């Protein structure tokens, strides 16, 4: 599990950098919560791909592909709440609040991702290579 967590951190770091760039771009002309929502959707696609292929080294399956957004929905609610508290009450600048938010909630994301992707599912079919979700 230690190696998985290290790969999760590396993937999370790459995702954070890319998502932060997406956030900063959209925050130029959208409210910070809308910009964060867009960057979050981008990160969900990137992270699913990396978590299945590299972090947990499991095949992409329709069952996990359909469940993975649930993890992000749960994390999104938690993350937006933390983001709001940081910006509104802790005085954290909108520009850096997403980075702090991700750092605070990453362990929960690891545990939830591992639970869904490593759980044994009987009869779950791996996606054929040509039908893999594109990133």
C-alpha atoms as a PDB file:
ATOM      1  CA  UNK A   1       0.000   0.000   0.000  1.00  0.00           C
ATOM      2  CA  UNK A   2       2.955   2.314   0.617  1.00  0.00           C
ATOM      3  CA  UNK A   3       4.065   2.187  -3.028  1.00  0.00           C
ATOM      4  CA  UNK A   4       0.506   2.790  -4.161  1.00  0.00           C
ATOM      5  CA  UNK A   5       0.260   5.814  -1.899  1.00  0.00           C
ATOM      6  CA  UNK A   6       3.522   7.229  -3.280  1.00  0.00           C
ATOM      7  CA  UNK A   7       2.279   6.758  -6.850  1.00  0.00           C
ATOM      8  CA  UNK A   8      -1.040   8.302  -5.777  1.00  0.00           C
ATOM      9  CA  UNK A   9       0.849  11.337  -4.441  1.00  0.00           C
ATOM     10  CA  UNK A  10       2.821  11.699  -7.685  1.00  0.00           C
ATOM     11  CA  UNK A  11      -0.329  11.360  -9.765  1.00  0.00           C
ATOM     12  CA  UNK A  12      -2.084  13.768  -7.437  1.00  0.00           C
ATOM     13  CA  UNK A  13       0.761  16.261  -7.792  1.00  0.00           C
ATOM     14  CA  UNK A  14       0.600  16.104 -11.584  1.00  0.00           C
ATOM     15  CA  UNK A  15      -3.180  16.375 -11.432  1.00  0.00           C
ATOM     16  CA  UNK A  16      -2.956  19.294  -9.013  1.00  0.00           C
ATOM     17  CA  UNK A  17      -0.587  21.217 -11.276  1.00  0.00           C
ATOM     18  CA  UNK A  18      -2.715  20.631 -14.364  1.00  0.00           C
ATOM     19  CA  UNK A  19      -5.994  21.283 -12.543  1.00  0.00           C
ATOM     20  CA  UNK A  20      -4.596  24.439 -10.949  1.00  0.00           C
ATOM     21  CA  UNK A  21      -3.663  25.742 -14.406  1.00  0.00           C
ATOM     22  CA  UNK A  22      -7.200  25.008 -15.614  1.00  0.00           C
ATOM     23  CA  UNK A  23      -8.591  26.719 -12.475  1.00  0.00           C
ATOM     24  CA  UNK A  24      -6.414  29.826 -12.940  1.00  0.00           C
ATOM     25  CA  UNK A  25      -7.464  30.139 -16.575  1.00  0.00           C
ATOM     26  CA  UNK A  26     -11.190  29.892 -15.889  1.00  0.00           C
ATOM     27  CA  UNK A  27     -10.919  32.051 -12.767  1.00  0.00           C
ATOM     28  CA  UNK A  28      -9.911  34.917 -15.069  1.00  0.00           C
ATOM     29  CA  UNK A  29     -13.536  35.259 -16.184  1.00  0.00           C
ATOM     30  CA  UNK A  30     -15.616  32.979 -13.910  1.00  0.00           C
ATOM     31  CA  UNK A  31     -16.296  32.970 -10.153  1.00  0.00           C
ATOM     32  CA  UNK A  32     -13.835  30.828  -8.203  1.00  0.00           C
ATOM     33  CA  UNK A  33     -16.409  28.113  -7.487  1.00  0.00           C
ATOM     34  CA  UNK A  34     -17.273  27.718 -11.195  1.00  0.00           C
ATOM     35  CA  UNK A  35     -13.584  27.686 -12.137  1.00  0.00           C
ATOM     36  CA  UNK A  36     -12.964  25.039  -9.489  1.00  0.00           C
ATOM     37  CA  UNK A  37     -15.850  22.918 -10.771  1.00  0.00           C
ATOM     38  CA  UNK A  38     -14.427  22.897 -14.293  1.00  0.00           C
ATOM     39  CA  UNK A  39     -10.928  22.085 -13.067  1.00  0.00           C
ATOM     40  CA  UNK A  40     -12.390  19.342 -10.871  1.00  0.00           C
ATOM     41  CA  UNK A  41     -14.089  17.666 -13.846  1.00  0.00           C
ATOM     42  CA  UNK A  42     -10.801  17.751 -15.752  1.00  0.00           C
ATOM     43  CA  UNK A  43      -9.006  16.227 -12.771  1.00  0.00           C
ATOM     44  CA  UNK A  44     -11.558  13.441 -12.451  1.00  0.00           C
ATOM     45  CA  UNK A  45     -10.898  12.160 -15.964  1.00  0.00           C
ATOM     46  CA  UNK A  46      -7.128  12.449 -15.608  1.00  0.00           C
ATOM     47  CA  UNK A  47      -7.078  10.784 -12.197  1.00  0.00           C
ATOM     48  CA  UNK A  48      -9.280   7.847 -13.172  1.00  0.00           C
ATOM     49  CA  UNK A  49      -6.970   7.042 -16.048  1.00  0.00           C
ATOM     50  CA  UNK A  50      -3.797   7.354 -13.965  1.00  0.00           C
ATOM     51  CA  UNK A  51      -5.218   5.500 -10.958  1.00  0.00           C
ATOM     52  CA  UNK A  52      -6.250   2.485 -13.003  1.00  0.00           C
ATOM     53  CA  UNK A  53      -3.199   2.354 -15.264  1.00  0.00           C
ATOM     54  CA  UNK A  54      -0.355   3.351 -12.945  1.00  0.00           C
ATOM     55  CA  UNK A  55      -1.273   3.832  -9.286  1.00  0.00           C
ATOM     56  CA  UNK A  56      -3.268   0.679  -8.536  1.00  0.00           C
ATOM     57  CA  UNK A  57      -2.408  -1.145 -11.784  1.00  0.00           C
ATOM     58  CA  UNK A  58      -5.878  -2.501 -12.345  1.00  0.00           C
ATOM     59  CA  UNK A  59      -7.734  -2.813 -15.631  1.00  0.00           C
ATOM     60  CA  UNK A  60     -10.269  -0.194 -16.524  1.00  0.00           C
ATOM     61  CA  UNK A  61     -13.728  -1.665 -15.987  1.00  0.00           C
ATOM     62  CA  UNK A  62     -17.165  -0.317 -16.646  1.00  0.00           C
ATOM     63  CA  UNK A  63     -18.071  -0.987 -13.013  1.00  0.00           C
ATOM     64  CA  UNK A  64     -15.230   1.155 -11.642  1.00  0.00           C
ATOM     65  CA  UNK A  65     -15.586   3.729 -14.394  1.00  0.00           C
ATOM     66  CA  UNK A  66     -19.210   4.259 -13.374  1.00  0.00           C
ATOM     67  CA  UNK A  67     -18.400   4.291  -9.631  1.00  0.00           C
ATOM     68  CA  UNK A  68     -15.420   6.614  -9.793  1.00  0.00           C
ATOM     69  CA  UNK A  69     -17.515   9.773 -10.237  1.00  0.00           C
ATOM     70  CA  UNK A  70     -19.210   8.940  -6.915  1.00  0.00           C
ATOM     71  CA  UNK A  71     -15.822   9.291  -5.213  1.00  0.00           C
ATOM     72  CA  UNK A  72     -15.382  12.649  -6.853  1.00  0.00           C
ATOM     73  CA  UNK A  73     -18.899  13.745  -5.950  1.00  0.00           C
ATOM     74  CA  UNK A  74     -18.187  12.973  -2.302  1.00  0.00           C
ATOM     75  CA  UNK A  75     -14.808  14.653  -2.483  1.00  0.00           C
ATOM     76  CA  UNK A  76     -16.271  17.593  -4.376  1.00  0.00           C
ATOM     77  CA  UNK A  77     -18.754  18.296  -1.583  1.00  0.00           C
ATOM     78  CA  UNK A  78     -15.990  18.036   0.977  1.00  0.00           C
ATOM     79  CA  UNK A  79     -13.538  20.071  -1.125  1.00  0.00           C
ATOM     80  CA  UNK A  80     -15.930  22.903  -1.931  1.00  0.00           C
ATOM     81  CA  UNK A  81     -16.836  23.150   1.747  1.00  0.00           C
ATOM     82  CA  UNK A  82     -13.167  23.352   2.721  1.00  0.00           C
ATOM     83  CA  UNK A  83     -12.512  25.807  -0.146  1.00  0.00           C
ATOM     84  CA  UNK A  84     -15.378  28.039   0.990  1.00  0.00           C
ATOM     85  CA  UNK A  85     -14.179  28.007   4.613  1.00  0.00           C
ATOM     86  CA  UNK A  86     -10.607  28.798   3.580  1.00  0.00           C
ATOM     87  CA  UNK A  87     -11.604  31.720   1.350  1.00  0.00           C
ATOM     88  CA  UNK A  88     -14.539  33.125   3.323  1.00  0.00           C
ATOM     89  CA  UNK A  89     -13.426  32.612   6.923  1.00  0.00           C
ATOM     90  CA  UNK A  90      -9.690  31.836   6.977  1.00  0.00           C
ATOM     91  CA  UNK A  91      -8.703  34.614   4.579  1.00  0.00           C
ATOM     92  CA  UNK A  92      -6.872  32.292   2.194  1.00  0.00           C
ATOM     93  CA  UNK A  93      -6.453  33.906  -1.250  1.00  0.00           C
ATOM     94  CA  UNK A  94      -8.693  32.414  -3.963  1.00  0.00           C
ATOM     95  CA  UNK A  95      -5.581  31.664  -6.019  1.00  0.00           C
ATOM     96  CA  UNK A  96      -4.032  29.332  -3.437  1.00  0.00           C
ATOM     97  CA  UNK A  97      -7.102  27.982  -1.639  1.00  0.00           C
ATOM     98  CA  UNK A  98      -7.533  25.023  -4.056  1.00  0.00           C
ATOM     99  CA  UNK A  99      -3.961  23.857  -3.341  1.00  0.00           C
ATOM    100  CA  UNK A 100      -4.570  23.902   0.410  1.00  0.00           C
ATOM    101  CA  UNK A 101      -7.925  22.180  -0.081  1.00  0.00           C
ATOM    102  CA  UNK A 102      -6.402  19.351  -2.106  1.00  0.00           C
ATOM    103  CA  UNK A 103      -3.625  18.870   0.430  1.00  0.00           C
ATOM    104  CA  UNK A 104      -6.116  18.574   3.260  1.00  0.00           C
ATOM    105  CA  UNK A 105      -8.462  16.137   1.521  1.00  0.00           C
ATOM    106  CA  UNK A 106      -5.994  13.929  -0.405  1.00  0.00           C
ATOM    107  CA  UNK A 107      -5.835  11.078   2.165  1.00  0.00           C
ATOM    108  CA  UNK A 108      -9.606  10.645   1.935  1.00  0.00           C
ATOM    109  CA  UNK A 109      -9.334  10.508  -1.851  1.00  0.00           C
ATOM    110  CA  UNK A 110      -6.681   7.791  -1.678  1.00  0.00           C
ATOM    111  CA  UNK A 111      -8.740   5.599   0.618  1.00  0.00           C
ATOM    112  CA  UNK A 112     -11.926   5.996  -1.417  1.00  0.00           C
ATOM    113  CA  UNK A 113     -10.127   5.373  -4.731  1.00  0.00           C
ATOM    114  CA  UNK A 114      -8.423   2.298  -3.390  1.00  0.00           C
ATOM    115  CA  UNK A 115     -11.697   0.968  -2.039  1.00  0.00           C
ATOM    116  CA  UNK A 116     -13.429   1.233  -5.425  1.00  0.00           C
ATOM    117  CA  UNK A 117     -10.575   0.247  -7.716  1.00  0.00           C
ATOM    118  CA  UNK A 118      -9.079  -2.615  -5.697  1.00  0.00           C
ATOM    119  CA  UNK A 119     -12.331  -4.172  -4.518  1.00  0.00           C
ATOM    120  CA  UNK A 120     -12.939  -7.557  -6.054  1.00  0.00           C
ATOM    121  CA  UNK A 121     -16.014  -7.532  -8.218  1.00  0.00           C
ATOM    122  CA  UNK A 122     -17.356 -10.832  -9.424  1.00  0.00           C
ATOM    123  CA  UNK A 123     -18.220 -10.943 -13.075  1.00  0.00           C
ATOM    124  CA  UNK A 124     -17.009  -7.412 -13.820  1.00  0.00           C
ATOM    125  CA  UNK A 125     -15.824  -7.171 -17.385  1.00  0.00           C
ATOM    126  CA  UNK A 126     -12.670  -5.275 -18.272  1.00  0.00           C
ATOM    127  CA  UNK A 127     -13.159  -2.720 -20.993  1.00  0.00           C
ATOM    128  CA  UNK A 128     -11.723  -3.858 -24.332  1.00  0.00           C
ATOM    129  CA  UNK A 129      -8.756  -1.717 -25.368  1.00  0.00           C
ATOM    130  CA  UNK A 130     -10.720  -0.041 -28.154  1.00  0.00           C
ATOM    131  CA  UNK A 131     -13.518   0.836 -25.695  1.00  0.00           C
ATOM    132  CA  UNK A 132     -11.298   2.323 -22.967  1.00  0.00           C
ATOM    133  CA  UNK A 133     -12.523   5.730 -21.801  1.00  0.00           C
ATOM    134  CA  UNK A 134     -10.482   8.370 -23.584  1.00  0.00           C
ATOM    135  CA  UNK A 135      -8.638  11.031 -21.700  1.00  0.00           C
END
